[in-house]
Amino acid sequence: MTEKFDQTRAMAEGWCVMWSDSRGQFEIQRDDEQPTFARDDDALAHVAKAAAAGSDYHREALALCLPEPTTPPRRRQFNIRMDDRLAAAIQRAAKRNRRSMSDYVRGVLERATAEA
């Protein structure tokens, strides 16, 4: 994990950033020691909502969990405004597609950039 990301605040909110060996990247997960979130996707939705509301801390956590793009060569910036209804809709769509919320959102963004 990067030295500058402080897990203390995340854990106080009931989530954490953990390395996933199976996926080869960092992931946002619920803190199993706290009852704040029932599932990892709930913790991810919380972080995404806080990031969309302007929290630099939560944006940094999301940035740690997204792999560096290899294509296209130039970076695109996405500004996503997320309210409770959007977060719930993304969770339902991810569940229907049997994917994690982060994988589902990443796939949607990749398809959108490929079509642009």
C-alpha atoms as a PDB file:
ATOM      1  CA  MET A   1       0.000   0.000   0.000  1.00  0.00           C
ATOM      2  CA  THR A   2       1.143   3.494  -0.624  1.00  0.00           C
ATOM      3  CA  GLU A   3       2.748   5.140   2.381  1.00  0.00           C
ATOM      4  CA  LYS A   4       0.671   8.300   2.138  1.00  0.00           C
ATOM      5  CA  PHE A   5      -2.770   6.639   2.367  1.00  0.00           C
ATOM      6  CA  ASP A   6      -3.903   6.503   5.986  1.00  0.00           C
ATOM      7  CA  GLN A   7      -6.252   3.593   6.714  1.00  0.00           C
ATOM      8  CA  THR A   8      -7.225   5.030  10.117  1.00  0.00           C
ATOM      9  CA  ARG A   9     -10.028   7.203   8.751  1.00  0.00           C
ATOM     10  CA  ALA A  10     -11.280   4.444   6.457  1.00  0.00           C
ATOM     11  CA  MET A  11     -11.457   1.953   9.304  1.00  0.00           C
ATOM     12  CA  ALA A  12     -13.282   4.498  11.473  1.00  0.00           C
ATOM     13  CA  GLU A  13     -15.903   4.649   8.677  1.00  0.00           C
ATOM     14  CA  GLY A  14     -16.147   0.841   8.492  1.00  0.00           C
ATOM     15  CA  TRP A  15     -14.111   0.114   5.340  1.00  0.00           C
ATOM     16  CA  CYS A  16     -10.502  -0.417   4.282  1.00  0.00           C
ATOM     17  CA  VAL A  17      -8.270  -0.776   1.228  1.00  0.00           C
ATOM     18  CA  MET A  18      -6.839  -4.280   0.915  1.00  0.00           C
ATOM     19  CA  TRP A  19      -4.666  -6.075  -1.625  1.00  0.00           C
ATOM     20  CA  SER A  20      -6.424  -8.847  -3.559  1.00  0.00           C
ATOM     21  CA  ASP A  21      -3.997 -11.556  -4.649  1.00  0.00           C
ATOM     22  CA  SER A  22      -6.582 -13.114  -6.943  1.00  0.00           C
ATOM     23  CA  ARG A  23      -7.194  -9.845  -8.829  1.00  0.00           C
ATOM     24  CA  GLY A  24      -3.707  -8.428  -8.487  1.00  0.00           C
ATOM     25  CA  GLN A  25      -4.890  -5.013  -7.301  1.00  0.00           C
ATOM     26  CA  PHE A  26      -6.112  -3.083  -4.286  1.00  0.00           C
ATOM     27  CA  GLU A  27      -9.823  -3.259  -3.445  1.00  0.00           C
ATOM     28  CA  ILE A  28     -12.173  -1.379  -1.175  1.00  0.00           C
ATOM     29  CA  GLN A  29     -13.697  -3.819   1.291  1.00  0.00           C
ATOM     30  CA  ARG A  30     -15.838  -3.602   4.376  1.00  0.00           C
ATOM     31  CA  ASP A  31     -14.017  -3.800   7.700  1.00  0.00           C
ATOM     32  CA  ASP A  32     -15.058  -7.233   8.944  1.00  0.00           C
ATOM     33  CA  GLU A  33     -14.511  -6.115  12.539  1.00  0.00           C
ATOM     34  CA  GLN A  34     -17.299  -3.528  12.299  1.00  0.00           C
ATOM     35  CA  PRO A  35     -21.005  -3.896  11.497  1.00  0.00           C
ATOM     36  CA  THR A  36     -21.129  -0.704   9.384  1.00  0.00           C
ATOM     37  CA  PHE A  37     -21.526  -2.437   6.010  1.00  0.00           C
ATOM     38  CA  ALA A  38     -23.091  -5.798   5.222  1.00  0.00           C
ATOM     39  CA  ARG A  39     -21.059  -6.364   2.026  1.00  0.00           C
ATOM     40  CA  ASP A  40     -17.947  -5.086   0.287  1.00  0.00           C
ATOM     41  CA  ASP A  41     -20.127  -3.503  -2.412  1.00  0.00           C
ATOM     42  CA  ASP A  42     -21.887  -1.447   0.269  1.00  0.00           C
ATOM     43  CA  ALA A  43     -18.523  -0.106   1.429  1.00  0.00           C
ATOM     44  CA  LEU A  44     -17.534   0.645  -2.174  1.00  0.00           C
ATOM     45  CA  ALA A  45     -20.815   2.501  -2.741  1.00  0.00           C
ATOM     46  CA  HIS A  46     -20.137   4.593   0.379  1.00  0.00           C
ATOM     47  CA  VAL A  47     -16.640   5.505  -0.841  1.00  0.00           C
ATOM     48  CA  ALA A  48     -17.882   6.291  -4.370  1.00  0.00           C
ATOM     49  CA  LYS A  49     -20.647   8.501  -3.011  1.00  0.00           C
ATOM     50  CA  ALA A  50     -18.237  10.418  -0.753  1.00  0.00           C
ATOM     51  CA  ALA A  51     -15.785  10.807  -3.648  1.00  0.00           C
ATOM     52  CA  ALA A  52     -18.542  12.122  -5.896  1.00  0.00           C
ATOM     53  CA  ALA A  53     -19.478  14.597  -3.165  1.00  0.00           C
ATOM     54  CA  GLY A  54     -15.944  15.999  -3.326  1.00  0.00           C
ATOM     55  CA  SER A  55     -13.923  14.106  -0.717  1.00  0.00           C
ATOM     56  CA  ASP A  56     -10.277  14.002  -1.789  1.00  0.00           C
ATOM     57  CA  TYR A  57      -9.631  11.215   0.737  1.00  0.00           C
ATOM     58  CA  HIS A  58     -12.253   8.961  -0.838  1.00  0.00           C
ATOM     59  CA  ARG A  59     -11.103   9.867  -4.364  1.00  0.00           C
ATOM     60  CA  GLU A  60      -7.582   8.814  -3.405  1.00  0.00           C
ATOM     61  CA  ALA A  61      -8.911   5.477  -2.128  1.00  0.00           C
ATOM     62  CA  LEU A  62     -10.739   4.875  -5.406  1.00  0.00           C
ATOM     63  CA  ALA A  63      -7.647   5.834  -7.406  1.00  0.00           C
ATOM     64  CA  LEU A  64      -5.613   3.218  -5.526  1.00  0.00           C
ATOM     65  CA  CYS A  65      -8.096   0.552  -6.559  1.00  0.00           C
ATOM     66  CA  LEU A  66      -8.230   1.326 -10.260  1.00  0.00           C
ATOM     67  CA  PRO A  67      -5.408  -0.107 -12.362  1.00  0.00           C
ATOM     68  CA  GLU A  68      -3.419   2.227 -14.557  1.00  0.00           C
ATOM     69  CA  PRO A  69      -4.867   2.140 -18.076  1.00  0.00           C
ATOM     70  CA  THR A  70      -2.684   0.660 -20.778  1.00  0.00           C
ATOM     71  CA  THR A  71      -4.943   1.858 -23.596  1.00  0.00           C
ATOM     72  CA  PRO A  72      -5.868   4.356 -24.844  1.00  0.00           C
ATOM     73  CA  PRO A  73      -2.509   6.153 -24.534  1.00  0.00           C
ATOM     74  CA  ARG A  74      -4.016   9.425 -23.388  1.00  0.00           C
ATOM     75  CA  ARG A  75      -5.886   9.521 -20.114  1.00  0.00           C
ATOM     76  CA  ARG A  76      -9.522  10.468 -19.932  1.00  0.00           C
ATOM     77  CA  GLN A  77     -10.969  12.074 -16.863  1.00  0.00           C
ATOM     78  CA  PHE A  78     -14.394  11.051 -15.647  1.00  0.00           C
ATOM     79  CA  ASN A  79     -16.375  13.237 -13.314  1.00  0.00           C
ATOM     80  CA  ILE A  80     -19.207  11.213 -11.888  1.00  0.00           C
ATOM     81  CA  ARG A  81     -21.905  12.760  -9.738  1.00  0.00           C
ATOM     82  CA  MET A  82     -23.496   9.989  -7.741  1.00  0.00           C
ATOM     83  CA  ASP A  83     -26.572  10.244  -5.578  1.00  0.00           C
ATOM     84  CA  ASP A  84     -28.250   7.463  -3.600  1.00  0.00           C
ATOM     85  CA  ARG A  85     -30.460   6.433  -6.520  1.00  0.00           C
ATOM     86  CA  LEU A  86     -27.512   6.151  -8.912  1.00  0.00           C
ATOM     87  CA  ALA A  87     -25.458   4.164  -6.389  1.00  0.00           C
ATOM     88  CA  ALA A  88     -28.412   1.800  -5.848  1.00  0.00           C
ATOM     89  CA  ALA A  89     -28.944   1.404  -9.608  1.00  0.00           C
ATOM     90  CA  ILE A  90     -25.263   0.565 -10.123  1.00  0.00           C
ATOM     91  CA  GLN A  91     -25.412  -1.989  -7.309  1.00  0.00           C
ATOM     92  CA  ARG A  92     -28.486  -3.656  -8.867  1.00  0.00           C
ATOM     93  CA  ALA A  93     -26.933  -3.721 -12.348  1.00  0.00           C
ATOM     94  CA  ALA A  94     -23.683  -5.167 -11.013  1.00  0.00           C
ATOM     95  CA  LYS A  95     -25.612  -7.847  -9.135  1.00  0.00           C
ATOM     96  CA  ARG A  96     -27.637  -8.745 -12.262  1.00  0.00           C
ATOM     97  CA  ASN A  97     -24.385  -9.120 -14.206  1.00  0.00           C
ATOM     98  CA  ARG A  98     -22.780 -11.123 -11.382  1.00  0.00           C
ATOM     99  CA  ARG A  99     -19.888  -8.691 -11.098  1.00  0.00           C
ATOM    100  CA  SER A 100     -18.536  -6.563  -8.312  1.00  0.00           C
ATOM    101  CA  MET A 101     -19.638  -2.956  -8.385  1.00  0.00           C
ATOM    102  CA  SER A 102     -16.109  -1.749  -9.198  1.00  0.00           C
ATOM    103  CA  ASP A 103     -15.717  -4.257 -12.072  1.00  0.00           C
ATOM    104  CA  TYR A 104     -19.113  -3.290 -13.456  1.00  0.00           C
ATOM    105  CA  VAL A 105     -18.364   0.464 -13.374  1.00  0.00           C
ATOM    106  CA  ARG A 106     -14.904  -0.098 -14.854  1.00  0.00           C
ATOM    107  CA  GLY A 107     -16.442  -2.113 -17.712  1.00  0.00           C
ATOM    108  CA  VAL A 108     -19.028   0.562 -18.448  1.00  0.00           C
ATOM    109  CA  LEU A 109     -16.334   3.259 -18.516  1.00  0.00           C
ATOM    110  CA  GLU A 110     -14.071   1.156 -20.742  1.00  0.00           C
ATOM    111  CA  ARG A 111     -16.907   0.555 -23.223  1.00  0.00           C
ATOM    112  CA  ALA A 112     -17.792   4.254 -23.213  1.00  0.00           C
ATOM    113  CA  THR A 113     -14.207   5.298 -23.966  1.00  0.00           C
ATOM    114  CA  ALA A 114     -13.862   2.677 -26.706  1.00  0.00           C
ATOM    115  CA  GLU A 115     -17.007   4.011 -28.399  1.00  0.00           C
ATOM    116  CA  ALA A 116     -15.958   7.667 -28.132  1.00  0.00           C
END
